[in-house]
């Protein structure tokens, strides 16, 4: 398994177009809900789901209370949690009193441990992809027939194609690309295999002699 990334243009600070550089950014595969995270941990760590869920809730509650009480909390190899404040009134004079009503909670900060960073760096394998949310530049307008020909060539070389690959191949938006794939299925050009995120599309195999079969007249 790999973490997918894409390259994005970094705007030049002085606004000059000839000094563009690229930076890498992760393309998230999905966002795990609490329930999905608990199920994932239970599956791979062989622990009861109800125990993990209860322990996670208890840790979050206690972390909130300890931080609200002005503490720094270390959670093992994850790192240190701390809080920051903000003043609602600005002043550069230490002698001027700022009342407690003018000081408020601002944010929670996590300072990751070096061990946690090293574990991610050691485990992560990166693979280049093309983000479906990134605006494409200089995309040539193509016809449906041209896209169909490209798709046929792609399937000859790769057997199957998924939604993200077709978005990249066609230059269409995600919604338009999925609509076109479904249209190709109705035309008998494609066949869908798998479900959900595992869905791929393959060429519909023609049954020998099927194209010559005609409906028999009613007698």
N, C-alpha and C. Protein backbone atom coordinates (compact mmCIF):
# COMPACT_ATOMS: atom_id res chain seq x y z
N UNK A 1 0.84 -1.20 0.00
CA UNK A 1 0.00 0.00 0.00
C UNK A 1 0.88 1.25 0.00
N UNK A 2 0.36 2.30 -0.66
CA UNK A 2 1.13 3.53 -0.78
C UNK A 2 0.27 4.73 -0.39
N UNK A 3 0.95 5.79 0.05
CA UNK A 3 0.29 7.07 0.25
C UNK A 3 0.43 7.85 -1.05
N UNK A 4 -0.68 8.38 -1.56
CA UNK A 4 -0.67 9.07 -2.84
C UNK A 4 -0.40 10.56 -2.64
N UNK A 5 0.35 11.15 -3.57
CA UNK A 5 0.62 12.58 -3.52
C UNK A 5 0.54 13.15 -4.92
N UNK A 6 0.39 14.46 -4.98
CA UNK A 6 0.44 15.15 -6.27
C UNK A 6 1.28 16.41 -6.09
N UNK A 7 1.70 16.99 -7.20
CA UNK A 7 2.52 18.20 -7.18
C UNK A 7 1.68 19.41 -7.53
N UNK A 8 1.85 20.46 -6.76
CA UNK A 8 1.10 21.69 -6.95
C UNK A 8 2.07 22.86 -7.12
N UNK A 9 1.63 23.86 -7.86
CA UNK A 9 2.45 25.04 -8.05
C UNK A 9 2.46 25.88 -6.77
N UNK A 10 3.63 26.31 -6.36
CA UNK A 10 3.77 27.21 -5.22
C UNK A 10 3.79 28.63 -5.73
N UNK A 11 2.81 29.44 -5.33
CA UNK A 11 2.78 30.82 -5.83
C UNK A 11 4.05 31.58 -5.48
N UNK A 12 4.55 32.34 -6.42
CA UNK A 12 5.74 33.14 -6.18
C UNK A 12 5.39 34.30 -5.26
N UNK A 13 6.20 34.56 -4.21
CA UNK A 13 5.88 35.64 -3.28
C UNK A 13 5.88 37.02 -3.91
N UNK A 14 6.65 37.18 -4.99
CA UNK A 14 6.69 38.49 -5.64
C UNK A 14 5.77 38.56 -6.85
N UNK A 15 4.99 37.47 -7.06
CA UNK A 15 3.99 37.47 -8.12
C UNK A 15 4.51 37.23 -9.51
N UNK A 16 5.78 36.88 -9.65
CA UNK A 16 6.36 36.65 -10.97
C UNK A 16 6.04 35.23 -11.45
N UNK A 17 5.45 35.15 -12.65
CA UNK A 17 5.01 33.86 -13.18
C UNK A 17 6.17 32.96 -13.57
N UNK A 18 7.36 33.54 -13.86
CA UNK A 18 8.47 32.74 -14.34
C UNK A 18 9.28 32.12 -13.20
N UNK A 19 8.82 32.30 -11.98
CA UNK A 19 9.55 31.74 -10.84
C UNK A 19 8.71 30.74 -10.06
N UNK A 20 7.86 29.99 -10.77
CA UNK A 20 7.01 29.00 -10.13
C UNK A 20 7.83 27.78 -9.70
N UNK A 21 7.52 27.27 -8.54
CA UNK A 21 8.12 26.02 -8.08
C UNK A 21 7.00 25.08 -7.67
N UNK A 22 7.32 23.82 -7.49
CA UNK A 22 6.32 22.82 -7.14
C UNK A 22 6.52 22.31 -5.72
N UNK A 23 5.42 21.97 -5.07
CA UNK A 23 5.50 21.33 -3.76
C UNK A 23 4.57 20.12 -3.76
N UNK A 24 4.92 19.14 -2.97
CA UNK A 24 4.14 17.90 -2.90
C UNK A 24 3.09 18.01 -1.80
N UNK A 25 1.94 17.40 -2.07
CA UNK A 25 0.85 17.41 -1.10
C UNK A 25 0.14 16.05 -1.13
N UNK A 26 -0.16 15.51 0.05
CA UNK A 26 -0.85 14.23 0.15
C UNK A 26 -2.26 14.34 -0.43
N UNK A 27 -2.68 13.32 -1.17
CA UNK A 27 -4.06 13.21 -1.66
C UNK A 27 -4.77 12.17 -0.79
N UNK A 28 -5.55 12.59 0.19
CA UNK A 28 -6.17 11.63 1.13
C UNK A 28 -7.07 10.64 0.42
N UNK A 29 -6.97 9.37 0.82
CA UNK A 29 -7.82 8.35 0.24
C UNK A 29 -9.22 8.41 0.84
N UNK A 30 -9.30 8.66 2.14
CA UNK A 30 -10.58 8.75 2.83
C UNK A 30 -10.37 9.39 4.19
N UNK A 31 -11.47 9.77 4.84
CA UNK A 31 -11.44 10.28 6.21
C UNK A 31 -12.07 9.24 7.11
N UNK A 32 -11.32 8.76 8.09
CA UNK A 32 -11.84 7.75 9.00
C UNK A 32 -12.70 8.40 10.07
N UNK A 33 -13.93 7.92 10.23
CA UNK A 33 -14.75 8.33 11.35
C UNK A 33 -14.26 7.61 12.60
N UNK A 34 -14.77 8.03 13.76
CA UNK A 34 -14.37 7.37 14.99
C UNK A 34 -14.73 5.88 14.94
N UNK A 35 -15.93 5.58 14.44
CA UNK A 35 -16.37 4.19 14.36
C UNK A 35 -15.45 3.37 13.46
N UNK A 36 -15.11 3.92 12.30
CA UNK A 36 -14.24 3.21 11.37
C UNK A 36 -12.84 3.04 11.95
N UNK A 37 -12.37 4.06 12.68
CA UNK A 37 -11.05 3.96 13.30
C UNK A 37 -11.03 2.87 14.36
N UNK A 38 -12.07 2.82 15.18
CA UNK A 38 -12.15 1.79 16.22
C UNK A 38 -12.19 0.40 15.59
N UNK A 39 -12.97 0.25 14.53
CA UNK A 39 -13.06 -1.06 13.84
C UNK A 39 -11.72 -1.44 13.23
N UNK A 40 -10.99 -0.46 12.72
CA UNK A 40 -9.67 -0.71 12.13
C UNK A 40 -8.70 -1.20 13.21
N UNK A 41 -8.69 -0.50 14.35
CA UNK A 41 -7.79 -0.90 15.44
C UNK A 41 -8.16 -2.28 15.95
N UNK A 42 -9.46 -2.54 16.10
CA UNK A 42 -9.91 -3.84 16.61
C UNK A 42 -9.48 -4.98 15.69
N UNK A 43 -9.54 -4.73 14.38
CA UNK A 43 -9.20 -5.76 13.41
C UNK A 43 -7.71 -6.08 13.43
N UNK A 44 -6.88 -5.03 13.46
CA UNK A 44 -5.44 -5.23 13.32
C UNK A 44 -4.72 -5.44 14.65
N UNK A 45 -5.34 -5.02 15.75
CA UNK A 45 -4.71 -5.21 17.06
C UNK A 45 -5.38 -6.31 17.86
N UNK A 46 -6.44 -6.91 17.28
CA UNK A 46 -7.14 -8.04 17.91
C UNK A 46 -7.62 -7.69 19.32
N UNK A 47 -8.35 -6.56 19.40
CA UNK A 47 -8.92 -6.12 20.66
C UNK A 47 -10.42 -5.92 20.48
N UNK A 48 -11.20 -6.06 21.55
CA UNK A 48 -12.65 -5.87 21.45
C UNK A 48 -13.01 -4.43 21.08
N UNK A 49 -13.95 -4.26 20.13
CA UNK A 49 -14.32 -2.93 19.68
C UNK A 49 -14.90 -2.09 20.81
N UNK A 50 -15.75 -2.71 21.67
CA UNK A 50 -16.38 -1.92 22.73
C UNK A 50 -15.34 -1.43 23.74
N UNK A 51 -14.29 -2.24 23.95
CA UNK A 51 -13.23 -1.83 24.88
C UNK A 51 -12.43 -0.66 24.30
N UNK A 52 -12.13 -0.72 23.00
CA UNK A 52 -11.37 0.35 22.36
C UNK A 52 -12.17 1.64 22.36
N UNK A 53 -13.45 1.55 22.01
CA UNK A 53 -14.30 2.72 21.96
C UNK A 53 -14.43 3.39 23.32
N UNK A 54 -14.64 2.58 24.36
CA UNK A 54 -14.78 3.13 25.71
C UNK A 54 -13.47 3.76 26.18
N UNK A 55 -12.35 3.10 25.89
CA UNK A 55 -11.05 3.63 26.31
C UNK A 55 -10.74 4.93 25.58
N UNK A 56 -11.09 5.00 24.28
CA UNK A 56 -10.84 6.21 23.50
C UNK A 56 -11.65 7.38 24.05
N UNK A 57 -12.93 7.14 24.36
CA UNK A 57 -13.78 8.19 24.93
C UNK A 57 -13.22 8.67 26.27
N UNK A 58 -12.78 7.72 27.10
CA UNK A 58 -12.24 8.08 28.42
C UNK A 58 -10.96 8.91 28.28
N UNK A 59 -10.10 8.53 27.33
CA UNK A 59 -8.85 9.27 27.12
C UNK A 59 -9.13 10.69 26.65
N UNK A 60 -10.10 10.85 25.75
CA UNK A 60 -10.43 12.18 25.24
C UNK A 60 -10.99 13.05 26.35
N UNK A 61 -11.88 12.49 27.18
CA UNK A 61 -12.46 13.26 28.28
C UNK A 61 -11.40 13.72 29.28
N UNK A 62 -10.49 12.81 29.64
CA UNK A 62 -9.46 13.15 30.61
C UNK A 62 -8.44 14.12 30.02
N UNK A 63 -8.14 13.97 28.75
CA UNK A 63 -7.23 14.89 28.09
C UNK A 63 -7.80 16.31 28.11
N UNK A 64 -9.08 16.42 27.82
CA UNK A 64 -9.75 17.73 27.84
C UNK A 64 -9.67 18.36 29.23
N UNK A 65 -9.96 17.57 30.26
CA UNK A 65 -9.95 18.10 31.63
C UNK A 65 -8.55 18.54 32.05
N UNK A 66 -7.54 17.74 31.72
CA UNK A 66 -6.17 18.07 32.12
C UNK A 66 -5.65 19.30 31.39
N UNK A 67 -5.99 19.43 30.10
CA UNK A 67 -5.56 20.61 29.35
C UNK A 67 -6.29 21.86 29.86
N UNK A 68 -7.57 21.72 30.16
CA UNK A 68 -8.34 22.85 30.67
C UNK A 68 -7.84 23.30 32.03
N UNK A 69 -7.15 22.39 32.73
CA UNK A 69 -6.61 22.72 34.05
C UNK A 69 -5.19 23.29 33.96
N UNK A 70 -4.72 23.53 32.73
CA UNK A 70 -3.43 24.17 32.54
C UNK A 70 -2.25 23.24 32.53
N UNK A 71 -2.45 21.98 32.16
CA UNK A 71 -1.37 21.00 32.15
C UNK A 71 -0.88 20.72 30.73
N UNK A 72 0.31 20.15 30.64
CA UNK A 72 0.82 19.57 29.41
C UNK A 72 0.71 18.06 29.55
N UNK A 73 0.19 17.39 28.53
CA UNK A 73 -0.06 15.96 28.63
C UNK A 73 0.75 15.22 27.57
N UNK A 74 1.51 14.23 27.99
CA UNK A 74 2.25 13.38 27.07
C UNK A 74 1.48 12.10 26.84
N UNK A 75 1.25 11.75 25.59
CA UNK A 75 0.59 10.48 25.26
C UNK A 75 1.58 9.56 24.57
N UNK A 76 2.42 8.96 25.35
CA UNK A 76 3.38 7.98 24.86
C UNK A 76 4.21 8.51 23.71
N UNK A 77 4.35 7.67 22.67
CA UNK A 77 5.18 8.03 21.52
C UNK A 77 4.49 9.03 20.60
N UNK A 78 3.19 9.31 20.86
CA UNK A 78 2.49 10.29 20.02
C UNK A 78 3.09 11.67 20.19
N UNK A 79 3.26 12.11 21.44
CA UNK A 79 3.85 13.41 21.68
C UNK A 79 3.18 14.14 22.82
N UNK A 80 3.33 15.48 22.83
CA UNK A 80 2.85 16.31 23.93
C UNK A 80 1.71 17.21 23.47
N UNK A 81 0.62 17.25 24.26
CA UNK A 81 -0.49 18.15 24.04
C UNK A 81 -0.35 19.35 24.97
N UNK A 82 -0.60 20.55 24.46
CA UNK A 82 -0.57 21.76 25.28
C UNK A 82 -1.59 22.75 24.72
N UNK A 83 -1.85 23.81 25.45
CA UNK A 83 -2.82 24.82 25.02
C UNK A 83 -2.14 26.16 24.81
N UNK A 84 -2.78 27.01 24.03
CA UNK A 84 -2.31 28.39 23.83
C UNK A 84 -3.46 29.34 24.11
N UNK A 85 -3.10 30.60 24.41
CA UNK A 85 -4.08 31.63 24.76
C UNK A 85 -3.98 32.80 23.80
N UNK A 86 -4.99 33.66 23.85
CA UNK A 86 -4.96 34.90 23.06
C UNK A 86 -5.52 36.03 23.90
N UNK A 87 -5.00 37.23 23.67
CA UNK A 87 -5.48 38.43 24.36
C UNK A 87 -6.42 39.18 23.42
N UNK A 88 -7.58 39.54 23.94
CA UNK A 88 -8.55 40.27 23.13
C UNK A 88 -8.20 41.75 23.01
N UNK A 89 -7.36 42.21 23.90
CA UNK A 89 -6.89 43.60 23.85
C UNK A 89 -5.39 43.63 23.60
N UNK A 90 -4.96 44.50 22.70
CA UNK A 90 -3.54 44.60 22.40
C UNK A 90 -2.89 45.70 23.25
N UNK A 91 -1.69 45.41 23.73
CA UNK A 91 -0.92 46.40 24.47
C UNK A 91 0.55 46.03 24.43
N UNK A 92 1.41 47.03 24.45
CA UNK A 92 2.85 46.78 24.50
C UNK A 92 3.43 47.28 25.81
N UNK A 93 2.56 47.59 26.76
CA UNK A 93 2.98 48.11 28.06
C UNK A 93 2.67 47.08 29.13
N UNK A 94 3.71 46.49 29.72
CA UNK A 94 3.50 45.46 30.73
C UNK A 94 2.80 46.00 31.97
N UNK A 95 2.90 47.31 32.19
CA UNK A 95 2.30 47.90 33.39
C UNK A 95 0.78 48.03 33.26
N UNK A 96 0.31 48.07 32.01
CA UNK A 96 -1.13 48.14 31.82
C UNK A 96 -1.75 46.78 32.13
N UNK A 97 -2.74 46.80 32.96
CA UNK A 97 -3.36 45.56 33.38
C UNK A 97 -4.33 45.05 32.32
N UNK A 98 -4.18 43.78 32.02
CA UNK A 98 -5.12 43.11 31.14
C UNK A 98 -5.93 42.15 32.00
N UNK A 99 -7.20 42.40 32.14
CA UNK A 99 -8.04 41.58 32.99
C UNK A 99 -8.21 40.18 32.40
N UNK A 100 -8.53 39.25 33.29
CA UNK A 100 -8.68 37.85 32.86
C UNK A 100 -9.79 37.69 31.83
N UNK A 101 -10.78 38.61 31.85
CA UNK A 101 -11.87 38.51 30.86
C UNK A 101 -11.35 38.74 29.43
N UNK A 102 -10.20 39.40 29.33
CA UNK A 102 -9.63 39.70 28.01
C UNK A 102 -8.68 38.63 27.51
N UNK A 103 -8.47 37.59 28.32
CA UNK A 103 -7.59 36.48 27.93
C UNK A 103 -8.46 35.24 27.74
N UNK A 104 -8.33 34.61 26.58
CA UNK A 104 -9.17 33.45 26.25
C UNK A 104 -8.34 32.31 25.68
N UNK A 105 -8.93 31.12 25.79
CA UNK A 105 -8.33 29.94 25.15
C UNK A 105 -8.30 30.14 23.64
N UNK A 106 -7.19 29.72 23.03
CA UNK A 106 -7.07 29.85 21.57
C UNK A 106 -7.05 28.50 20.85
N UNK A 107 -6.12 27.62 21.25
CA UNK A 107 -6.00 26.39 20.49
C UNK A 107 -5.29 25.32 21.30
N UNK A 108 -5.37 24.07 20.80
CA UNK A 108 -4.61 22.95 21.36
C UNK A 108 -3.50 22.61 20.39
N UNK A 109 -2.30 22.41 20.90
CA UNK A 109 -1.15 22.11 20.05
C UNK A 109 -0.62 20.72 20.38
N UNK A 110 -0.19 20.02 19.35
CA UNK A 110 0.42 18.71 19.51
C UNK A 110 1.85 18.78 18.99
N UNK A 111 2.79 18.52 19.87
CA UNK A 111 4.20 18.45 19.47
C UNK A 111 4.57 16.98 19.36
N UNK A 112 4.63 16.52 18.12
CA UNK A 112 4.89 15.10 17.88
C UNK A 112 6.28 14.71 18.35
N UNK A 113 6.37 13.49 18.86
CA UNK A 113 7.67 12.99 19.30
C UNK A 113 8.50 12.58 18.08
N UNK A 114 9.81 12.58 18.24
CA UNK A 114 10.69 12.17 17.14
C UNK A 114 10.47 10.70 16.79
N UNK A 115 10.12 9.89 17.76
CA UNK A 115 9.88 8.46 17.51
C UNK A 115 8.68 8.28 16.61
N UNK A 116 7.61 9.04 16.86
CA UNK A 116 6.39 8.94 16.05
C UNK A 116 6.69 9.35 14.61
N UNK A 117 7.44 10.45 14.44
CA UNK A 117 7.80 10.88 13.09
C UNK A 117 8.64 9.83 12.37
N UNK A 118 9.60 9.24 13.09
CA UNK A 118 10.46 8.23 12.47
C UNK A 118 9.65 7.01 12.05
N UNK A 119 8.66 6.63 12.86
CA UNK A 119 7.82 5.47 12.53
C UNK A 119 7.04 5.71 11.25
N UNK A 120 6.49 6.92 11.09
CA UNK A 120 5.74 7.25 9.87
C UNK A 120 6.69 7.28 8.68
N UNK A 121 7.84 7.92 8.85
CA UNK A 121 8.81 8.02 7.75
C UNK A 121 9.28 6.63 7.31
N UNK A 122 9.46 5.73 8.26
CA UNK A 122 9.93 4.39 7.93
C UNK A 122 8.84 3.57 7.24
N UNK A 123 7.58 3.79 7.63
CA UNK A 123 6.47 2.99 7.12
C UNK A 123 5.92 3.52 5.80
N UNK A 124 5.97 4.83 5.59
CA UNK A 124 5.31 5.45 4.44
C UNK A 124 6.02 5.14 3.13
N UNK A 125 5.22 4.71 2.15
CA UNK A 125 5.68 4.54 0.78
C UNK A 125 4.86 5.48 -0.09
N UNK A 126 5.52 6.34 -0.84
CA UNK A 126 4.83 7.37 -1.62
C UNK A 126 4.69 6.96 -3.08
N UNK A 127 3.56 7.33 -3.67
CA UNK A 127 3.29 7.04 -5.08
C UNK A 127 2.60 8.25 -5.70
N UNK A 128 3.09 8.68 -6.84
CA UNK A 128 2.53 9.86 -7.52
C UNK A 128 1.18 9.53 -8.13
N UNK A 129 0.23 10.45 -7.97
CA UNK A 129 -1.08 10.33 -8.62
C UNK A 129 -1.47 11.70 -9.11
N UNK A 130 -2.63 11.81 -9.72
CA UNK A 130 -3.13 13.10 -10.17
C UNK A 130 -4.43 13.37 -9.42
N UNK A 131 -4.41 14.38 -8.58
CA UNK A 131 -5.56 14.69 -7.75
C UNK A 131 -6.76 15.05 -8.61
N UNK A 132 -7.93 14.49 -8.23
CA UNK A 132 -9.17 14.80 -8.97
C UNK A 132 -9.75 16.14 -8.56
N UNK A 133 -9.22 16.74 -7.49
CA UNK A 133 -9.73 18.03 -7.03
C UNK A 133 -8.88 19.19 -7.53
N UNK A 134 -7.72 18.88 -8.11
CA UNK A 134 -6.84 19.94 -8.60
C UNK A 134 -7.31 20.44 -9.95
N UNK A 135 -7.31 21.75 -10.12
CA UNK A 135 -7.72 22.33 -11.39
C UNK A 135 -6.69 21.99 -12.46
N UNK A 136 -7.17 21.44 -13.54
CA UNK A 136 -6.29 21.06 -14.64
C UNK A 136 -6.08 22.25 -15.57
N UNK A 137 -4.84 22.46 -16.00
CA UNK A 137 -4.52 23.56 -16.90
C UNK A 137 -4.27 23.02 -18.31
N UNK A 138 -4.69 23.82 -19.27
CA UNK A 138 -4.44 23.50 -20.68
C UNK A 138 -4.98 22.13 -21.07
N UNK A 139 -6.16 21.79 -20.55
CA UNK A 139 -6.79 20.52 -20.91
C UNK A 139 -7.52 20.70 -22.24
N UNK A 140 -7.16 19.92 -23.22
CA UNK A 140 -7.79 20.04 -24.52
C UNK A 140 -9.19 19.42 -24.48
N UNK A 141 -10.14 20.10 -25.12
CA UNK A 141 -11.50 19.60 -25.20
C UNK A 141 -11.52 18.39 -26.14
N UNK A 142 -12.08 17.29 -25.68
CA UNK A 142 -12.13 16.08 -26.48
C UNK A 142 -13.58 15.66 -26.66
N UNK A 143 -13.81 14.88 -27.71
CA UNK A 143 -15.15 14.36 -27.95
C UNK A 143 -15.32 13.03 -27.24
N UNK A 144 -16.55 12.61 -27.09
CA UNK A 144 -16.83 11.33 -26.44
C UNK A 144 -16.18 10.19 -27.21
N UNK A 145 -16.20 10.27 -28.53
CA UNK A 145 -15.62 9.20 -29.36
C UNK A 145 -14.11 9.12 -29.15
N UNK A 146 -13.45 10.29 -29.05
CA UNK A 146 -12.01 10.30 -28.81
C UNK A 146 -11.69 9.70 -27.45
N UNK A 147 -12.48 10.06 -26.44
CA UNK A 147 -12.25 9.50 -25.10
C UNK A 147 -12.50 8.00 -25.08
N UNK A 148 -13.46 7.55 -25.86
CA UNK A 148 -13.76 6.13 -25.94
C UNK A 148 -12.59 5.38 -26.57
N UNK A 149 -11.97 5.98 -27.59
CA UNK A 149 -10.81 5.36 -28.24
C UNK A 149 -9.63 5.29 -27.27
N UNK A 150 -9.42 6.38 -26.51
CA UNK A 150 -8.35 6.37 -25.50
C UNK A 150 -8.60 5.29 -24.46
N UNK A 151 -9.86 5.17 -24.06
CA UNK A 151 -10.21 4.16 -23.06
C UNK A 151 -9.97 2.75 -23.58
N UNK A 152 -10.32 2.52 -24.84
CA UNK A 152 -10.11 1.20 -25.44
C UNK A 152 -8.62 0.86 -25.47
N UNK A 153 -7.79 1.83 -25.82
CA UNK A 153 -6.34 1.61 -25.84
C UNK A 153 -5.81 1.36 -24.43
N UNK A 154 -6.32 2.11 -23.46
CA UNK A 154 -5.89 1.93 -22.08
C UNK A 154 -6.23 0.52 -21.59
N UNK A 155 -7.43 0.04 -21.93
CA UNK A 155 -7.86 -1.28 -21.48
C UNK A 155 -7.08 -2.40 -22.16
N UNK A 156 -6.60 -2.15 -23.38
CA UNK A 156 -5.75 -3.14 -24.04
C UNK A 156 -4.44 -3.31 -23.29
N UNK A 157 -3.95 -2.22 -22.71
CA UNK A 157 -2.66 -2.23 -22.03
C UNK A 157 -2.76 -2.56 -20.55
N UNK A 158 -3.92 -2.28 -19.94
CA UNK A 158 -4.04 -2.41 -18.48
C UNK A 158 -5.19 -3.29 -18.01
N UNK A 159 -5.98 -3.84 -18.90
CA UNK A 159 -7.09 -4.75 -18.61
C UNK A 159 -8.28 -4.04 -17.98
N UNK A 160 -8.05 -3.24 -16.91
CA UNK A 160 -9.15 -2.58 -16.23
C UNK A 160 -8.77 -1.14 -15.91
N UNK A 161 -9.78 -0.35 -15.54
CA UNK A 161 -9.56 1.05 -15.18
C UNK A 161 -10.49 1.41 -14.03
N UNK A 162 -10.03 2.27 -13.11
CA UNK A 162 -10.91 2.72 -12.04
C UNK A 162 -11.37 4.15 -12.31
N UNK A 163 -12.20 4.68 -11.44
CA UNK A 163 -12.79 6.01 -11.67
C UNK A 163 -11.72 7.10 -11.73
N UNK A 164 -10.79 7.08 -10.79
CA UNK A 164 -9.77 8.13 -10.76
C UNK A 164 -8.89 8.10 -12.01
N UNK A 165 -8.58 6.89 -12.48
CA UNK A 165 -7.77 6.77 -13.69
C UNK A 165 -8.51 7.32 -14.90
N UNK A 166 -9.85 7.09 -14.95
CA UNK A 166 -10.60 7.61 -16.09
C UNK A 166 -10.75 9.12 -16.02
N UNK A 167 -10.86 9.67 -14.82
CA UNK A 167 -10.90 11.13 -14.67
C UNK A 167 -9.63 11.75 -15.24
N UNK A 168 -8.49 11.12 -14.93
CA UNK A 168 -7.21 11.61 -15.44
C UNK A 168 -7.11 11.42 -16.95
N UNK A 169 -7.58 10.26 -17.44
CA UNK A 169 -7.49 9.95 -18.86
C UNK A 169 -8.38 10.86 -19.70
N UNK A 170 -9.58 11.14 -19.21
CA UNK A 170 -10.56 11.89 -20.00
C UNK A 170 -10.46 13.40 -19.82
N UNK A 171 -9.94 13.86 -18.66
CA UNK A 171 -9.91 15.29 -18.39
C UNK A 171 -11.26 15.83 -17.95
N UNK A 172 -12.24 14.94 -17.68
CA UNK A 172 -13.56 15.35 -17.25
C UNK A 172 -13.59 15.56 -15.73
N UNK A 173 -14.63 16.23 -15.26
CA UNK A 173 -14.83 16.33 -13.82
C UNK A 173 -15.24 14.96 -13.31
N UNK A 174 -15.17 14.77 -11.99
CA UNK A 174 -15.50 13.47 -11.41
C UNK A 174 -16.92 13.04 -11.77
N UNK A 175 -17.87 13.98 -11.63
CA UNK A 175 -19.26 13.65 -11.91
C UNK A 175 -19.46 13.28 -13.38
N UNK A 176 -18.88 14.07 -14.28
CA UNK A 176 -19.03 13.82 -15.71
C UNK A 176 -18.35 12.51 -16.12
N UNK A 177 -17.20 12.22 -15.52
CA UNK A 177 -16.48 10.98 -15.86
C UNK A 177 -17.28 9.75 -15.45
N UNK A 178 -17.87 9.79 -14.25
CA UNK A 178 -18.67 8.65 -13.78
C UNK A 178 -19.92 8.48 -14.64
N UNK A 179 -20.55 9.59 -15.03
CA UNK A 179 -21.71 9.52 -15.92
C UNK A 179 -21.34 8.87 -17.25
N UNK A 180 -20.15 9.22 -17.77
CA UNK A 180 -19.74 8.67 -19.06
C UNK A 180 -19.42 7.18 -18.93
N UNK A 181 -18.80 6.77 -17.84
CA UNK A 181 -18.53 5.35 -17.62
C UNK A 181 -19.84 4.56 -17.57
N UNK A 182 -20.84 5.10 -16.88
CA UNK A 182 -22.14 4.43 -16.82
C UNK A 182 -22.80 4.37 -18.19
N UNK A 183 -22.58 5.41 -19.00
CA UNK A 183 -23.13 5.42 -20.36
C UNK A 183 -22.48 4.33 -21.20
N UNK A 184 -21.15 4.15 -21.05
CA UNK A 184 -20.45 3.10 -21.79
C UNK A 184 -20.94 1.71 -21.37
N UNK A 185 -21.34 1.58 -20.10
CA UNK A 185 -21.90 0.31 -19.63
C UNK A 185 -23.23 0.05 -20.32
N UNK A 186 -24.08 1.07 -20.38
CA UNK A 186 -25.38 0.91 -21.04
C UNK A 186 -25.23 0.59 -22.53
N UNK A 187 -24.16 1.11 -23.14
CA UNK A 187 -23.91 0.84 -24.55
C UNK A 187 -23.35 -0.57 -24.78
N UNK A 188 -22.98 -1.24 -23.71
CA UNK A 188 -22.40 -2.58 -23.85
C UNK A 188 -20.91 -2.56 -24.11
N UNK A 189 -20.30 -1.39 -23.97
CA UNK A 189 -18.85 -1.26 -24.19
C UNK A 189 -18.06 -1.67 -22.96
N UNK A 190 -18.57 -1.38 -21.77
CA UNK A 190 -17.89 -1.67 -20.51
C UNK A 190 -18.72 -2.58 -19.64
N UNK A 191 -18.04 -3.16 -18.66
CA UNK A 191 -18.69 -3.96 -17.62
C UNK A 191 -18.07 -3.58 -16.28
N UNK A 192 -18.91 -3.39 -15.27
CA UNK A 192 -18.44 -3.00 -13.94
C UNK A 192 -18.11 -4.26 -13.13
N UNK A 193 -16.98 -4.20 -12.42
CA UNK A 193 -16.59 -5.31 -11.54
C UNK A 193 -16.22 -4.74 -10.17
N UNK A 194 -16.58 -5.45 -9.11
CA UNK A 194 -16.28 -5.00 -7.76
C UNK A 194 -17.34 -4.05 -7.24
N UNK A 195 -17.15 -3.61 -5.99
CA UNK A 195 -18.11 -2.71 -5.36
C UNK A 195 -17.38 -1.62 -4.60
N UNK A 196 -18.06 -0.50 -4.40
CA UNK A 196 -17.51 0.59 -3.59
C UNK A 196 -16.20 1.11 -4.14
N UNK A 197 -15.22 1.26 -3.23
CA UNK A 197 -13.92 1.79 -3.63
C UNK A 197 -13.12 0.80 -4.47
N UNK A 198 -13.56 -0.45 -4.50
CA UNK A 198 -12.85 -1.47 -5.27
C UNK A 198 -13.39 -1.61 -6.69
N UNK A 199 -14.32 -0.75 -7.08
CA UNK A 199 -14.93 -0.84 -8.41
C UNK A 199 -13.92 -0.55 -9.52
N UNK A 200 -13.91 -1.42 -10.52
CA UNK A 200 -13.11 -1.19 -11.72
C UNK A 200 -14.00 -1.47 -12.93
N UNK A 201 -13.53 -1.05 -14.10
CA UNK A 201 -14.29 -1.23 -15.33
C UNK A 201 -13.43 -1.99 -16.34
N UNK A 202 -14.05 -2.98 -17.01
CA UNK A 202 -13.35 -3.79 -18.00
C UNK A 202 -14.17 -3.79 -19.29
N UNK A 203 -13.53 -4.21 -20.39
CA UNK A 203 -14.25 -4.31 -21.66
C UNK A 203 -15.29 -5.40 -21.58
N UNK A 204 -16.45 -5.12 -22.14
CA UNK A 204 -17.51 -6.11 -22.21
C UNK A 204 -17.17 -7.10 -23.32
N UNK A 205 -17.03 -8.34 -22.93
CA UNK A 205 -16.68 -9.37 -23.92
C UNK A 205 -17.91 -9.73 -24.73
N UNK A 206 -17.74 -9.74 -26.05
CA UNK A 206 -18.84 -10.10 -26.92
C UNK A 206 -18.97 -11.62 -27.01
N UNK A 207 -20.19 -12.09 -26.90
CA UNK A 207 -20.44 -13.52 -27.06
C UNK A 207 -20.42 -13.85 -28.54
N UNK A 208 -19.61 -14.84 -28.97
CA UNK A 208 -19.51 -15.17 -30.40
C UNK A 208 -20.88 -15.41 -31.02
N UNK A 209 -21.18 -14.72 -32.12
CA UNK A 209 -22.43 -14.92 -32.83
C UNK A 209 -23.59 -14.12 -32.26
N UNK A 210 -23.36 -13.44 -31.10
CA UNK A 210 -24.47 -12.73 -30.48
C UNK A 210 -24.95 -11.58 -31.35
N UNK A 211 -24.00 -10.92 -32.08
CA UNK A 211 -24.36 -9.76 -32.87
C UNK A 211 -25.26 -10.15 -34.04
N UNK A 212 -25.29 -11.46 -34.37
CA UNK A 212 -26.09 -11.92 -35.51
C UNK A 212 -27.46 -12.42 -35.10
N UNK A 213 -27.71 -12.48 -33.77
CA UNK A 213 -28.97 -13.01 -33.30
C UNK A 213 -30.03 -11.93 -33.39
N UNK A 214 -31.15 -12.24 -34.00
CA UNK A 214 -32.27 -11.31 -34.10
C UNK A 214 -33.48 -11.93 -33.43
N UNK A 215 -34.38 -11.10 -33.02
CA UNK A 215 -35.57 -11.61 -32.33
C UNK A 215 -36.44 -12.34 -33.32
N UNK A 216 -36.90 -13.51 -32.92
CA UNK A 216 -37.76 -14.30 -33.80
C UNK A 216 -39.15 -13.66 -33.84
N UNK A 217 -39.79 -13.63 -35.03
CA UNK A 217 -41.13 -13.02 -35.14
C UNK A 217 -42.14 -13.87 -34.38
N UNK A 218 -43.15 -13.19 -33.84
CA UNK A 218 -44.22 -13.90 -33.12
C UNK A 218 -45.06 -14.67 -34.11
N UNK A 219 -45.40 -15.87 -33.76
CA UNK A 219 -46.23 -16.69 -34.65
C UNK A 219 -47.59 -16.89 -34.04
